[in-house]
């Protein structure tokens, strides 16, 4: 298996691992009585962060492995425009 295939496989495994966390977060927000639009926005924002953890962080991280320094770097990179078009580099396989 090539390095890129191995990397892609690791990314897929992490995306599958993160999915139940995102689904539980969605359910929690819905139970809190938030509107569907607000729920969708919050879940989309966390999903965007999960992409950051696998496409910009080294080593690749699962959502529940992220810590405060990951959040700080994500916000810092966002503010300085370091990943303005993350969707342009994320493979289509990751948008299930």
PDB file of N, CA and C in Angstrom:
ATOM      1  N   UNK A   1       0.847  -1.171   0.000  1.00  0.00           N
ATOM      2  CA  UNK A   1       0.000   0.000   0.000  1.00  0.00           C
ATOM      3  C   UNK A   1       0.895   1.239   0.000  1.00  0.00           C
ATOM      4  N   UNK A   2       0.577   2.192  -0.878  1.00  0.00           N
ATOM      5  CA  UNK A   2       1.389   3.401  -0.953  1.00  0.00           C
ATOM      6  C   UNK A   2       1.107   4.300   0.244  1.00  0.00           C
ATOM      7  N   UNK A   3       2.008   5.273   0.442  1.00  0.00           N
ATOM      8  CA  UNK A   3       1.826   6.202   1.556  1.00  0.00           C
ATOM      9  C   UNK A   3       0.516   6.970   1.434  1.00  0.00           C
ATOM     10  N   UNK A   4       0.155   7.382   0.202  1.00  0.00           N
ATOM     11  CA  UNK A   4      -1.082   8.144   0.039  1.00  0.00           C
ATOM     12  C   UNK A   4      -2.297   7.266   0.302  1.00  0.00           C
ATOM     13  N   UNK A   5      -2.244   5.998  -0.100  1.00  0.00           N
ATOM     14  CA  UNK A   5      -3.351   5.078   0.196  1.00  0.00           C
ATOM     15  C   UNK A   5      -3.475   4.846   1.697  1.00  0.00           C
ATOM     16  N   UNK A   6      -2.321   4.712   2.368  1.00  0.00           N
ATOM     17  CA  UNK A   6      -2.318   4.519   3.808  1.00  0.00           C
ATOM     18  C   UNK A   6      -2.891   5.757   4.502  1.00  0.00           C
ATOM     19  N   UNK A   7      -2.486   6.924   4.046  1.00  0.00           N
ATOM     20  CA  UNK A   7      -2.995   8.177   4.616  1.00  0.00           C
ATOM     21  C   UNK A   7      -4.503   8.271   4.404  1.00  0.00           C
ATOM     22  N   UNK A   8      -4.953   8.026   3.179  1.00  0.00           N
ATOM     23  CA  UNK A   8      -6.386   8.088   2.875  1.00  0.00           C
ATOM     24  C   UNK A   8      -7.172   7.089   3.720  1.00  0.00           C
ATOM     25  N   UNK A   9      -6.617   5.911   3.921  1.00  0.00           N
ATOM     26  CA  UNK A   9      -7.292   4.898   4.740  1.00  0.00           C
ATOM     27  C   UNK A   9      -7.393   5.359   6.188  1.00  0.00           C
ATOM     28  N   UNK A  10      -6.329   5.960   6.716  1.00  0.00           N
ATOM     29  CA  UNK A  10      -6.356   6.467   8.094  1.00  0.00           C
ATOM     30  C   UNK A  10      -7.387   7.581   8.237  1.00  0.00           C
ATOM     31  N   UNK A  11      -7.467   8.459   7.226  1.00  0.00           N
ATOM     32  CA  UNK A  11      -8.453   9.549   7.250  1.00  0.00           C
ATOM     33  C   UNK A  11      -9.863   8.967   7.271  1.00  0.00           C
ATOM     34  N   UNK A  12     -10.127   7.969   6.428  1.00  0.00           N
ATOM     35  CA  UNK A  12     -11.460   7.350   6.388  1.00  0.00           C
ATOM     36  C   UNK A  12     -11.823   6.718   7.732  1.00  0.00           C
ATOM     37  N   UNK A  13     -10.863   6.042   8.344  1.00  0.00           N
ATOM     38  CA  UNK A  13     -11.107   5.415   9.649  1.00  0.00           C
ATOM     39  C   UNK A  13     -11.455   6.479  10.686  1.00  0.00           C
ATOM     40  N   UNK A  14     -10.736   7.576  10.687  1.00  0.00           N
ATOM     41  CA  UNK A  14     -11.008   8.654  11.641  1.00  0.00           C
ATOM     42  C   UNK A  14     -12.368   9.282  11.367  1.00  0.00           C
ATOM     43  N   UNK A  15     -12.718   9.494  10.096  1.00  0.00           N
ATOM     44  CA  UNK A  15     -14.029  10.081   9.758  1.00  0.00           C
ATOM     45  C   UNK A  15     -15.166   9.176  10.255  1.00  0.00           C
ATOM     46  N   UNK A  16     -15.004   7.869  10.076  1.00  0.00           N
ATOM     47  CA  UNK A  16     -16.017   6.924  10.564  1.00  0.00           C
ATOM     48  C   UNK A  16     -16.076   6.960  12.094  1.00  0.00           C
ATOM     49  N   UNK A  17     -14.928   7.018  12.730  1.00  0.00           N
ATOM     50  CA  UNK A  17     -14.855   7.074  14.196  1.00  0.00           C
ATOM     51  C   UNK A  17     -15.556   8.328  14.728  1.00  0.00           C
ATOM     52  N   UNK A  18     -15.351   9.467  14.049  1.00  0.00           N
ATOM     53  CA  UNK A  18     -15.918  10.739  14.507  1.00  0.00           C
ATOM     54  C   UNK A  18     -17.429  10.832  14.321  1.00  0.00           C
ATOM     55  N   UNK A  19     -17.979  10.068  13.396  1.00  0.00           N
ATOM     56  CA  UNK A  19     -19.388  10.209  13.042  1.00  0.00           C
ATOM     57  C   UNK A  19     -20.343  10.048  14.227  1.00  0.00           C
ATOM     58  N   UNK A  20     -20.192   9.015  15.060  1.00  0.00           N
ATOM     59  CA  UNK A  20     -21.103   8.897  16.213  1.00  0.00           C
ATOM     60  C   UNK A  20     -20.985  10.082  17.183  1.00  0.00           C
ATOM     61  N   UNK A  21     -19.811  10.653  17.301  1.00  0.00           N
ATOM     62  CA  UNK A  21     -19.630  11.826  18.168  1.00  0.00           C
ATOM     63  C   UNK A  21     -20.439  12.996  17.614  1.00  0.00           C
ATOM     64  N   UNK A  22     -20.364  13.203  16.300  1.00  0.00           N
ATOM     65  CA  UNK A  22     -21.138  14.272  15.675  1.00  0.00           C
ATOM     66  C   UNK A  22     -22.637  14.012  15.804  1.00  0.00           C
ATOM     67  N   UNK A  23     -23.044  12.768  15.645  1.00  0.00           N
ATOM     68  CA  UNK A  23     -24.465  12.420  15.769  1.00  0.00           C
ATOM     69  C   UNK A  23     -24.964  12.637  17.202  1.00  0.00           C
ATOM     70  N   UNK A  24     -24.151  12.270  18.188  1.00  0.00           N
ATOM     71  CA  UNK A  24     -24.527  12.508  19.590  1.00  0.00           C
ATOM     72  C   UNK A  24     -24.608  14.008  19.884  1.00  0.00           C
ATOM     73  N   UNK A  25     -23.695  14.773  19.334  1.00  0.00           N
ATOM     74  CA  UNK A  25     -23.713  16.227  19.507  1.00  0.00           C
ATOM     75  C   UNK A  25     -24.988  16.808  18.900  1.00  0.00           C
ATOM     76  N   UNK A  26     -25.334  16.340  17.698  1.00  0.00           N
ATOM     77  CA  UNK A  26     -26.574  16.788  17.047  1.00  0.00           C
ATOM     78  C   UNK A  26     -27.784  16.483  17.936  1.00  0.00           C
ATOM     79  N   UNK A  27     -27.862  15.266  18.457  1.00  0.00           N
ATOM     80  CA  UNK A  27     -28.992  14.864  19.304  1.00  0.00           C
ATOM     81  C   UNK A  27     -29.060  15.728  20.563  1.00  0.00           C
ATOM     82  N   UNK A  28     -27.924  16.012  21.156  1.00  0.00           N
ATOM     83  CA  UNK A  28     -27.877  16.848  22.357  1.00  0.00           C
ATOM     84  C   UNK A  28     -28.394  18.251  22.057  1.00  0.00           C
ATOM     85  N   UNK A  29     -27.965  18.817  20.927  1.00  0.00           N
ATOM     86  CA  UNK A  29     -28.431  20.152  20.542  1.00  0.00           C
ATOM     87  C   UNK A  29     -29.938  20.154  20.277  1.00  0.00           C
ATOM     88  N   UNK A  30     -30.427  19.118  19.621  1.00  0.00           N
ATOM     89  CA  UNK A  30     -31.866  19.021  19.340  1.00  0.00           C
ATOM     90  C   UNK A  30     -32.657  18.897  20.635  1.00  0.00           C
ATOM     91  N   UNK A  31     -32.157  18.100  21.569  1.00  0.00           N
ATOM     92  CA  UNK A  31     -32.836  17.936  22.855  1.00  0.00           C
ATOM     93  C   UNK A  31     -32.851  19.237  23.649  1.00  0.00           C
ATOM     94  N   UNK A  32     -31.865  20.092  23.389  1.00  0.00           N
ATOM     95  CA  UNK A  32     -31.800  21.392  24.063  1.00  0.00           C
ATOM     96  C   UNK A  32     -32.822  22.371  23.479  1.00  0.00           C
ATOM     97  N   UNK A  33     -33.498  21.956  22.405  1.00  0.00           N
ATOM     98  CA  UNK A  33     -34.549  22.778  21.824  1.00  0.00           C
ATOM     99  C   UNK A  33     -34.085  23.815  20.825  1.00  0.00           C
ATOM    100  N   UNK A  34     -32.859  23.676  20.326  1.00  0.00           N
ATOM    101  CA  UNK A  34     -32.360  24.635  19.338  1.00  0.00           C
ATOM    102  C   UNK A  34     -33.028  24.403  17.985  1.00  0.00           C
ATOM    103  N   UNK A  35     -33.094  25.444  17.190  1.00  0.00           N
ATOM    104  CA  UNK A  35     -33.698  25.320  15.863  1.00  0.00           C
ATOM    105  C   UNK A  35     -32.835  24.430  14.976  1.00  0.00           C
ATOM    106  N   UNK A  36     -33.451  23.861  13.953  1.00  0.00           N
ATOM    107  CA  UNK A  36     -32.715  22.982  13.035  1.00  0.00           C
ATOM    108  C   UNK A  36     -31.553  23.735  12.384  1.00  0.00           C
ATOM    109  N   UNK A  37     -31.774  24.988  12.032  1.00  0.00           N
ATOM    110  CA  UNK A  37     -30.706  25.788  11.406  1.00  0.00           C
ATOM    111  C   UNK A  37     -29.524  25.956  12.359  1.00  0.00           C
ATOM    112  N   UNK A  38     -29.805  26.250  13.624  1.00  0.00           N
ATOM    113  CA  UNK A  38     -28.732  26.401  14.611  1.00  0.00           C
ATOM    114  C   UNK A  38     -28.015  25.081  14.832  1.00  0.00           C
ATOM    115  N   UNK A  39     -28.776  24.002  14.960  1.00  0.00           N
ATOM    116  CA  UNK A  39     -28.177  22.675  15.129  1.00  0.00           C
ATOM    117  C   UNK A  39     -27.268  22.373  13.951  1.00  0.00           C
ATOM    118  N   UNK A  40     -27.774  22.566  12.739  1.00  0.00           N
ATOM    119  CA  UNK A  40     -26.982  22.283  11.536  1.00  0.00           C
ATOM    120  C   UNK A  40     -25.698  23.118  11.515  1.00  0.00           C
ATOM    121  N   UNK A  41     -25.804  24.403  11.859  1.00  0.00           N
ATOM    122  CA  UNK A  41     -24.616  25.272  11.861  1.00  0.00           C
ATOM    123  C   UNK A  41     -23.572  24.798  12.868  1.00  0.00           C
ATOM    124  N   UNK A  42     -24.023  24.447  14.078  1.00  0.00           N
ATOM    125  CA  UNK A  42     -23.072  23.981  15.098  1.00  0.00           C
ATOM    126  C   UNK A  42     -22.418  22.658  14.692  1.00  0.00           C
ATOM    127  N   UNK A  43     -23.200  21.739  14.179  1.00  0.00           N
ATOM    128  CA  UNK A  43     -22.643  20.446  13.755  1.00  0.00           C
ATOM    129  C   UNK A  43     -21.696  20.651  12.575  1.00  0.00           C
ATOM    130  N   UNK A  44     -22.074  21.499  11.627  1.00  0.00           N
ATOM    131  CA  UNK A  44     -21.188  21.790  10.488  1.00  0.00           C
ATOM    132  C   UNK A  44     -19.872  22.405  10.951  1.00  0.00           C
ATOM    133  N   UNK A  45     -19.934  23.286  11.941  1.00  0.00           N
ATOM    134  CA  UNK A  45     -18.702  23.898  12.453  1.00  0.00           C
ATOM    135  C   UNK A  45     -17.783  22.868  13.097  1.00  0.00           C
ATOM    136  N   UNK A  46     -18.357  21.961  13.871  1.00  0.00           N
ATOM    137  CA  UNK A  46     -17.526  20.920  14.489  1.00  0.00           C
ATOM    138  C   UNK A  46     -16.995  19.965  13.418  1.00  0.00           C
ATOM    139  N   UNK A  47     -17.808  19.663  12.420  1.00  0.00           N
ATOM    140  CA  UNK A  47     -17.346  18.810  11.323  1.00  0.00           C
ATOM    141  C   UNK A  47     -16.191  19.478  10.577  1.00  0.00           C
ATOM    142  N   UNK A  48     -16.277  20.788  10.391  1.00  0.00           N
ATOM    143  CA  UNK A  48     -15.179  21.535   9.763  1.00  0.00           C
ATOM    144  C   UNK A  48     -13.902  21.387  10.593  1.00  0.00           C
ATOM    145  N   UNK A  49     -14.042  21.469  11.910  1.00  0.00           N
ATOM    146  CA  UNK A  49     -12.902  21.283  12.803  1.00  0.00           C
ATOM    147  C   UNK A  49     -12.328  19.872  12.671  1.00  0.00           C
ATOM    148  N   UNK A  50     -13.194  18.859  12.487  1.00  0.00           N
ATOM    149  CA  UNK A  50     -12.686  17.491  12.320  1.00  0.00           C
ATOM    150  C   UNK A  50     -11.841  17.375  11.056  1.00  0.00           C
ATOM    151  N   UNK A  51     -12.227  18.111  10.010  1.00  0.00           N
ATOM    152  CA  UNK A  51     -11.419  18.124   8.788  1.00  0.00           C
ATOM    153  C   UNK A  51     -10.060  18.756   9.070  1.00  0.00           C
ATOM    154  N   UNK A  52     -10.058  19.820   9.832  1.00  0.00           N
ATOM    155  CA  UNK A  52      -8.803  20.476  10.206  1.00  0.00           C
ATOM    156  C   UNK A  52      -7.883  19.484  10.915  1.00  0.00           C
ATOM    157  N   UNK A  53      -8.455  18.684  11.809  1.00  0.00           N
ATOM    158  CA  UNK A  53      -7.647  17.742  12.589  1.00  0.00           C
ATOM    159  C   UNK A  53      -6.989  16.681  11.723  1.00  0.00           C
ATOM    160  N   UNK A  54      -7.575  16.352  10.576  1.00  0.00           N
ATOM    161  CA  UNK A  54      -6.953  15.333   9.728  1.00  0.00           C
ATOM    162  C   UNK A  54      -6.206  15.916   8.536  1.00  0.00           C
ATOM    163  N   UNK A  55      -6.524  17.139   8.131  1.00  0.00           N
ATOM    164  CA  UNK A  55      -5.849  17.697   6.959  1.00  0.00           C
ATOM    165  C   UNK A  55      -4.806  18.748   7.287  1.00  0.00           C
ATOM    166  N   UNK A  56      -4.837  19.301   8.489  1.00  0.00           N
ATOM    167  CA  UNK A  56      -3.868  20.322   8.855  1.00  0.00           C
ATOM    168  C   UNK A  56      -3.044  19.953  10.063  1.00  0.00           C
ATOM    169  N   UNK A  57      -3.480  19.003  10.843  1.00  0.00           N
ATOM    170  CA  UNK A  57      -2.773  18.636  12.064  1.00  0.00           C
ATOM    171  C   UNK A  57      -1.849  17.461  11.777  1.00  0.00           C
ATOM    172  N   UNK A  58      -0.804  17.375  12.522  1.00  0.00           N
ATOM    173  CA  UNK A  58       0.116  16.260  12.391  1.00  0.00           C
ATOM    174  C   UNK A  58       0.527  15.876  13.801  1.00  0.00           C
ATOM    175  N   UNK A  59       0.236  14.711  14.270  1.00  0.00           N
ATOM    176  CA  UNK A  59      -0.377  13.592  13.564  1.00  0.00           C
ATOM    177  C   UNK A  59      -1.891  13.783  13.423  1.00  0.00           C
ATOM    178  N   UNK A  60      -2.474  12.959  12.571  1.00  0.00           N
ATOM    179  CA  UNK A  60      -3.922  12.975  12.404  1.00  0.00           C
ATOM    180  C   UNK A  60      -4.579  12.706  13.747  1.00  0.00           C
ATOM    181  N   UNK A  61      -5.672  13.423  14.020  1.00  0.00           N
ATOM    182  CA  UNK A  61      -6.336  13.245  15.308  1.00  0.00           C
ATOM    183  C   UNK A  61      -7.822  12.983  15.147  1.00  0.00           C
ATOM    184  N   UNK A  62      -8.331  12.161  16.044  1.00  0.00           N
ATOM    185  CA  UNK A  62      -9.771  11.964  16.164  1.00  0.00           C
ATOM    186  C   UNK A  62     -10.321  13.151  16.953  1.00  0.00           C
ATOM    187  N   UNK A  63     -11.611  13.391  16.799  1.00  0.00           N
ATOM    188  CA  UNK A  63     -12.225  14.533  17.463  1.00  0.00           C
ATOM    189  C   UNK A  63     -12.033  14.485  18.977  1.00  0.00           C
ATOM    190  N   UNK A  64     -12.171  13.312  19.573  1.00  0.00           N
ATOM    191  CA  UNK A  64     -12.036  13.228  21.030  1.00  0.00           C
ATOM    192  C   UNK A  64     -10.583  13.219  21.500  1.00  0.00           C
ATOM    193  N   UNK A  65      -9.641  13.337  20.580  1.00  0.00           N
ATOM    194  CA  UNK A  65      -8.224  13.477  20.928  1.00  0.00           C
ATOM    195  C   UNK A  65      -7.773  14.934  20.889  1.00  0.00           C
ATOM    196  N   UNK A  66      -8.620  15.811  20.371  1.00  0.00           N
ATOM    197  CA  UNK A  66      -8.278  17.225  20.275  1.00  0.00           C
ATOM    198  C   UNK A  66      -8.216  17.837  21.666  1.00  0.00           C
ATOM    199  N   UNK A  67      -7.347  18.822  21.799  1.00  0.00           N
ATOM    200  CA  UNK A  67      -7.254  19.520  23.079  1.00  0.00           C
ATOM    201  C   UNK A  67      -7.272  21.031  22.828  1.00  0.00           C
ATOM    202  N   UNK A  68      -7.064  21.775  23.876  1.00  0.00           N
ATOM    203  CA  UNK A  68      -7.122  23.227  23.779  1.00  0.00           C
ATOM    204  C   UNK A  68      -6.140  23.809  22.780  1.00  0.00           C
ATOM    205  N   UNK A  69      -4.976  23.212  22.659  1.00  0.00           N
ATOM    206  CA  UNK A  69      -3.993  23.744  21.711  1.00  0.00           C
ATOM    207  C   UNK A  69      -4.466  23.543  20.268  1.00  0.00           C
ATOM    208  N   UNK A  70      -5.186  22.465  20.006  1.00  0.00           N
ATOM    209  CA  UNK A  70      -5.738  22.247  18.662  1.00  0.00           C
ATOM    210  C   UNK A  70      -6.781  23.318  18.342  1.00  0.00           C
ATOM    211  N   UNK A  71      -7.619  23.623  19.310  1.00  0.00           N
ATOM    212  CA  UNK A  71      -8.647  24.648  19.108  1.00  0.00           C
ATOM    213  C   UNK A  71      -7.982  26.004  18.885  1.00  0.00           C
ATOM    214  N   UNK A  72      -6.977  26.339  19.696  1.00  0.00           N
ATOM    215  CA  UNK A  72      -6.269  27.618  19.533  1.00  0.00           C
ATOM    216  C   UNK A  72      -5.644  27.722  18.143  1.00  0.00           C
ATOM    217  N   UNK A  73      -4.985  26.654  17.694  1.00  0.00           N
ATOM    218  CA  UNK A  73      -4.346  26.693  16.377  1.00  0.00           C
ATOM    219  C   UNK A  73      -5.386  26.800  15.266  1.00  0.00           C
ATOM    220  N   UNK A  74      -6.501  26.116  15.413  1.00  0.00           N
ATOM    221  CA  UNK A  74      -7.581  26.185  14.438  1.00  0.00           C
ATOM    222  C   UNK A  74      -8.099  27.616  14.327  1.00  0.00           C
ATOM    223  N   UNK A  75      -8.360  28.241  15.469  1.00  0.00           N
ATOM    224  CA  UNK A  75      -8.859  29.621  15.466  1.00  0.00           C
ATOM    225  C   UNK A  75      -7.794  30.552  14.900  1.00  0.00           C
ATOM    226  N   UNK A  76      -6.559  30.390  15.315  1.00  0.00           N
ATOM    227  CA  UNK A  76      -5.462  31.229  14.817  1.00  0.00           C
ATOM    228  C   UNK A  76      -5.318  31.081  13.307  1.00  0.00           C
ATOM    229  N   UNK A  77      -5.303  29.849  12.820  1.00  0.00           N
ATOM    230  CA  UNK A  77      -5.176  29.618  11.377  1.00  0.00           C
ATOM    231  C   UNK A  77      -6.360  30.205  10.620  1.00  0.00           C
ATOM    232  N   UNK A  78      -7.549  30.093  11.199  1.00  0.00           N
ATOM    233  CA  UNK A  78      -8.752  30.646  10.571  1.00  0.00           C
ATOM    234  C   UNK A  78      -8.654  32.161  10.460  1.00  0.00           C
ATOM    235  N   UNK A  79      -8.189  32.802  11.540  1.00  0.00           N
ATOM    236  CA  UNK A  79      -8.085  34.260  11.564  1.00  0.00           C
ATOM    237  C   UNK A  79      -7.072  34.778  10.554  1.00  0.00           C
ATOM    238  N   UNK A  80      -6.014  34.037  10.340  1.00  0.00           N
ATOM    239  CA  UNK A  80      -5.001  34.509   9.389  1.00  0.00           C
ATOM    240  C   UNK A  80      -5.213  33.942   7.988  1.00  0.00           C
ATOM    241  N   UNK A  81      -6.304  33.205   7.797  1.00  0.00           N
ATOM    242  CA  UNK A  81      -6.641  32.705   6.469  1.00  0.00           C
ATOM    243  C   UNK A  81      -5.775  31.562   5.988  1.00  0.00           C
ATOM    244  N   UNK A  82      -5.232  30.772   6.918  1.00  0.00           N
ATOM    245  CA  UNK A  82      -4.343  29.670   6.538  1.00  0.00           C
ATOM    246  C   UNK A  82      -5.079  28.543   5.828  1.00  0.00           C
ATOM    247  N   UNK A  83      -6.368  28.406   6.045  1.00  0.00           N
ATOM    248  CA  UNK A  83      -7.136  27.362   5.367  1.00  0.00           C
ATOM    249  C   UNK A  83      -8.455  27.942   4.877  1.00  0.00           C
ATOM    250  N   UNK A  84      -8.388  28.936   3.979  1.00  0.00           N
ATOM    251  CA  UNK A  84      -9.622  29.568   3.512  1.00  0.00           C
ATOM    252  C   UNK A  84     -10.477  28.665   2.639  1.00  0.00           C
ATOM    253  N   UNK A  85      -9.879  27.667   2.017  1.00  0.00           N
ATOM    254  CA  UNK A  85     -10.637  26.810   1.108  1.00  0.00           C
ATOM    255  C   UNK A  85     -10.350  25.357   1.404  1.00  0.00           C
ATOM    256  N   UNK A  86     -10.564  24.954   2.653  1.00  0.00           N
ATOM    257  CA  UNK A  86     -10.304  23.566   3.028  1.00  0.00           C
ATOM    258  C   UNK A  86     -11.114  22.611   2.172  1.00  0.00           C
ATOM    259  N   UNK A  87     -12.320  23.031   1.765  1.00  0.00           N
ATOM    260  CA  UNK A  87     -13.177  22.144   0.978  1.00  0.00           C
ATOM    261  C   UNK A  87     -12.553  21.834  -0.368  1.00  0.00           C
ATOM    262  N   UNK A  88     -11.659  22.676  -0.851  1.00  0.00           N
ATOM    263  CA  UNK A  88     -11.005  22.419  -2.127  1.00  0.00           C
ATOM    264  C   UNK A  88      -9.958  21.323  -2.056  1.00  0.00           C
ATOM    265  N   UNK A  89      -9.503  20.977  -0.841  1.00  0.00           N
ATOM    266  CA  UNK A  89      -8.465  19.955  -0.729  1.00  0.00           C
ATOM    267  C   UNK A  89      -8.960  18.667  -0.087  1.00  0.00           C
ATOM    268  N   UNK A  90     -10.165  18.692   0.452  1.00  0.00           N
ATOM    269  CA  UNK A  90     -10.694  17.506   1.114  1.00  0.00           C
ATOM    270  C   UNK A  90     -11.302  16.592   0.043  1.00  0.00           C
ATOM    271  N   UNK A  91     -10.869  15.344  -0.016  1.00  0.00           N
ATOM    272  CA  UNK A  91     -11.409  14.431  -1.010  1.00  0.00           C
ATOM    273  C   UNK A  91     -12.918  14.262  -0.880  1.00  0.00           C
ATOM    274  N   UNK A  92     -13.564  14.060  -1.992  1.00  0.00           N
ATOM    275  CA  UNK A  92     -15.020  13.913  -2.017  1.00  0.00           C
ATOM    276  C   UNK A  92     -15.493  12.744  -1.161  1.00  0.00           C
ATOM    277  N   UNK A  93     -14.659  11.747  -0.956  1.00  0.00           N
ATOM    278  CA  UNK A  93     -15.054  10.575  -0.168  1.00  0.00           C
ATOM    279  C   UNK A  93     -15.378  10.939   1.279  1.00  0.00           C
ATOM    280  N   UNK A  94     -14.946  12.106   1.715  1.00  0.00           N
ATOM    281  CA  UNK A  94     -15.132  12.489   3.113  1.00  0.00           C
ATOM    282  C   UNK A  94     -16.456  13.184   3.384  1.00  0.00           C
ATOM    283  N   UNK A  95     -17.245  13.418   2.358  1.00  0.00           N
ATOM    284  CA  UNK A  95     -18.511  14.118   2.536  1.00  0.00           C
ATOM    285  C   UNK A  95     -19.672  13.152   2.409  1.00  0.00           C
ATOM    286  N   UNK A  96     -19.749  12.215   3.334  1.00  0.00           N
ATOM    287  CA  UNK A  96     -20.810  11.208   3.291  1.00  0.00           C
ATOM    288  C   UNK A  96     -22.099  11.794   3.778  1.00  0.00           C
TER     289      UNK A  96
END
